[in-house]
N, C-alpha and C. Protein backbone atom coordinates (compact mmCIF):
# COMPACT_ATOMS: atom_id res chain seq x y z
N MET A 1 0.75 -1.05 -0.20
CA MET A 1 0.00 -0.01 0.06
C MET A 1 1.02 1.14 -0.11
N ASN A 2 0.12 2.32 -0.71
CA ASN A 2 1.30 3.55 -0.83
C ASN A 2 0.93 4.17 0.31
N ARG A 3 1.86 4.91 0.95
CA ARG A 3 1.70 5.63 2.37
C ARG A 3 0.65 6.69 2.10
N GLY A 4 1.11 7.37 0.79
CA GLY A 4 0.61 8.53 0.87
C GLY A 4 -1.30 8.68 0.52
N PHE A 5 -1.44 7.33 0.14
CA PHE A 5 -3.18 7.32 -0.14
C PHE A 5 -3.69 7.07 1.12
N VAL A 6 -2.93 6.33 1.76
CA VAL A 6 -3.26 5.65 3.49
C VAL A 6 -3.92 7.37 4.32
N VAL A 7 -2.95 8.15 3.86
CA VAL A 7 -2.83 9.69 4.58
C VAL A 7 -4.15 10.11 4.24
N THR A 8 -4.08 10.23 2.69
CA THR A 8 -5.12 11.11 1.70
C THR A 8 -6.40 10.72 2.60
N LEU A 9 -6.54 8.87 2.49
CA LEU A 9 -7.83 8.59 3.65
C LEU A 9 -8.19 9.07 4.61
N ALA A 10 -7.08 9.04 5.75
CA ALA A 10 -7.53 9.42 6.92
C ALA A 10 -7.38 10.79 6.82
N ILE A 11 -7.11 11.78 6.09
CA ILE A 11 -7.47 13.23 6.08
C ILE A 11 -8.76 13.40 5.67
N GLY A 12 -9.68 12.78 4.64
CA GLY A 12 -10.97 12.63 4.08
C GLY A 12 -11.48 12.31 5.00
N VAL A 13 -11.40 11.45 5.73
CA VAL A 13 -12.32 10.72 7.14
C VAL A 13 -12.49 11.90 7.91
N ILE A 14 -10.87 12.38 8.25
CA ILE A 14 -11.02 13.88 9.50
C ILE A 14 -11.80 14.96 8.90
N VAL A 15 -11.56 15.68 8.19
CA VAL A 15 -12.67 16.51 7.05
C VAL A 15 -14.06 16.02 7.40
N ALA A 16 -14.23 14.58 6.74
CA ALA A 16 -15.57 14.59 7.04
C ALA A 16 -16.67 14.60 8.21
N LEU A 17 -15.53 14.20 9.32
CA LEU A 17 -15.94 14.34 10.68
C LEU A 17 -15.98 16.03 11.36
N PHE A 18 -15.37 16.55 10.79
CA PHE A 18 -15.26 17.84 11.48
C PHE A 18 -16.52 18.47 10.68
N GLY A 19 -16.82 18.21 9.45
CA GLY A 19 -18.08 18.71 8.70
C GLY A 19 -19.24 18.19 9.26
N LEU A 20 -19.18 17.01 9.69
CA LEU A 20 -20.15 16.23 10.60
C LEU A 20 -20.51 17.27 11.97
N ILE A 21 -19.42 17.69 12.13
CA ILE A 21 -19.81 18.52 13.67
C ILE A 21 -20.21 19.88 13.59
N TRP A 22 -19.41 20.40 12.51
CA TRP A 22 -20.25 21.73 12.18
C TRP A 22 -21.33 21.71 11.95
N ALA A 23 -21.81 20.78 10.89
CA ALA A 23 -23.03 20.85 10.00
C ALA A 23 -24.36 20.59 11.92
N LEU A 24 -23.87 19.35 12.44
CA LEU A 24 -24.62 19.27 13.76
C LEU A 24 -24.93 20.55 14.92
N GLN A 25 -23.50 21.41 14.83
CA GLN A 25 -23.65 22.46 15.30
C GLN A 25 -24.52 23.59 14.89
N GLY A 26 -24.34 23.56 13.52
CA GLY A 26 -25.36 24.55 12.68
C GLY A 26 -26.89 24.24 12.64
N PHE A 27 -27.08 23.25 12.84
CA PHE A 27 -28.25 22.92 12.85
C PHE A 27 -29.06 22.63 14.30
N GLY A 28 -28.22 22.93 15.26
CA GLY A 28 -28.68 23.07 16.82
C GLY A 28 -28.53 21.54 17.65
N VAL A 29 -28.42 20.71 17.03
CA VAL A 29 -28.14 19.39 17.50
C VAL A 29 -27.44 19.50 18.72
N LEU A 30 -26.20 19.92 18.11
CA LEU A 30 -24.90 20.33 19.46
C LEU A 30 -24.61 21.30 19.71
N GLN A 31 -25.48 21.85 21.23
CA GLN A 31 -25.26 23.35 21.97
C GLN A 31 -24.05 23.68 22.40
N GLY A 32 -24.20 24.72 23.19
CA GLY A 32 -23.14 24.96 23.92
C GLY A 32 -21.55 25.98 23.08
N SER A 33 -22.13 26.23 21.77
CA SER A 33 -21.17 26.78 20.99
C SER A 33 -21.60 28.28 19.93
N PRO A 34 -20.69 28.94 20.05
CA PRO A 34 -21.19 30.41 19.28
C PRO A 34 -21.64 29.57 17.85
N MET A 35 -21.11 28.33 17.30
CA MET A 35 -21.60 27.95 15.94
C MET A 35 -23.28 27.36 15.94
N SER A 36 -23.76 27.24 17.28
CA SER A 36 -24.67 26.49 17.37
C SER A 36 -25.85 27.08 17.18
N ASN A 37 -26.92 26.77 16.17
CA ASN A 37 -28.00 27.21 15.45
C ASN A 37 -27.51 28.51 14.44
N THR A 38 -26.40 28.21 13.71
CA THR A 38 -26.18 29.41 13.06
C THR A 38 -26.32 28.60 11.49
N THR A 39 -26.88 29.70 10.81
CA THR A 39 -27.34 29.23 9.56
C THR A 39 -25.62 29.08 8.40
N THR A 40 -24.62 30.03 8.93
CA THR A 40 -23.45 29.66 8.08
C THR A 40 -22.85 28.05 8.17
N TRP A 41 -22.85 27.97 9.61
CA TRP A 41 -22.07 26.19 9.59
C TRP A 41 -23.22 25.26 9.14
N SER A 42 -25.00 25.45 9.07
CA SER A 42 -25.46 24.60 8.60
C SER A 42 -25.41 24.34 7.03
N ILE A 43 -24.32 25.48 6.60
CA ILE A 43 -24.15 25.23 4.90
C ILE A 43 -22.49 24.80 4.95
N ILE A 44 -21.87 25.41 5.58
CA ILE A 44 -20.58 25.02 5.63
C ILE A 44 -20.38 23.35 5.75
N GLY A 45 -20.96 23.18 7.19
CA GLY A 45 -20.82 21.62 7.70
C GLY A 45 -21.01 20.42 6.44
N PRO A 46 -22.08 20.77 5.84
CA PRO A 46 -22.50 19.36 4.60
C PRO A 46 -21.71 19.48 3.57
N ILE A 47 -21.08 20.80 3.14
CA ILE A 47 -19.99 20.70 1.92
C ILE A 47 -19.09 20.52 2.43
N THR A 48 -18.63 20.32 3.62
CA THR A 48 -17.03 19.69 4.02
C THR A 48 -17.57 18.51 4.11
N VAL A 49 -18.55 17.98 4.87
CA VAL A 49 -18.73 16.26 4.66
C VAL A 49 -18.64 15.90 3.31
N VAL A 50 -19.56 16.40 2.35
CA VAL A 50 -19.25 15.92 1.00
C VAL A 50 -17.89 16.07 0.21
N ILE A 51 -16.99 17.28 0.82
CA ILE A 51 -15.45 17.37 0.30
C ILE A 51 -14.76 15.96 0.85
N GLY A 52 -14.65 15.84 2.07
CA GLY A 52 -14.07 14.93 3.06
C GLY A 52 -14.17 13.33 2.46
N ILE A 53 -15.69 13.07 1.80
CA ILE A 53 -16.33 11.79 1.47
C ILE A 53 -15.79 11.71 0.06
N VAL A 54 -15.85 12.95 -0.61
CA VAL A 54 -14.96 12.75 -1.94
C VAL A 54 -13.35 12.11 -2.05
N ILE A 55 -12.88 12.88 -1.38
CA ILE A 55 -11.38 12.73 -0.86
C ILE A 55 -11.00 11.35 -0.56
N SER A 56 -11.96 10.69 0.64
CA SER A 56 -11.78 9.74 1.29
C SER A 56 -12.05 8.38 -0.23
N VAL A 57 -13.08 8.41 -1.11
CA VAL A 57 -13.72 8.07 -1.80
C VAL A 57 -12.51 7.65 -2.87
N PHE A 58 -12.01 8.88 -3.69
CA PHE A 58 -11.27 8.71 -4.14
C PHE A 58 -9.72 7.88 -3.73
N SER A 59 -9.41 8.41 -2.63
CA SER A 59 -8.15 7.61 -2.23
C SER A 59 -8.32 6.31 -1.77
N TRP A 60 -9.53 5.76 -1.38
CA TRP A 60 -9.51 4.22 -0.95
C TRP A 60 -9.40 3.64 -2.49
N ARG A 61 -10.21 4.35 -3.83
CA ARG A 61 -10.17 3.61 -4.90
C ARG A 61 -9.13 3.12 -5.75
N LYS A 62 -8.16 4.22 -4.82
CA LYS A 62 -6.45 4.35 -5.53
C LYS A 62 -5.93 3.11 -4.53
N ILE A 63 -6.34 2.79 -3.56
CA ILE A 63 -5.55 2.00 -2.42
C ILE A 63 -6.30 0.54 -3.13
N SER A 64 -7.34 0.41 -3.57
CA SER A 64 -7.79 -1.02 -3.65
C SER A 64 -7.67 -1.13 -5.42
N ARG A 65 -7.16 -0.79 -6.01
CA ARG A 65 -6.79 -0.87 -7.34
C ARG A 65 -5.58 -1.66 -7.74
N LYS A 66 -4.64 -1.21 -5.89
CA LYS A 66 -3.35 -1.88 -6.23
C LYS A 66 -3.24 -3.42 -5.40
């Protein structure tokens, strides 16, 4: 396995998790933050999740081909 693609996969998963946290804060599910119930984070969060998933899928496909 190429170490670079494994690192890229891990980064994609981490980006997706951060996006999920931001989305949940934006939607008001996670309270106690200035980001809670904010429209900005309700938009940025899901976009970040999609970006993280795309990075992970791209990396996973590269790993599984080898």
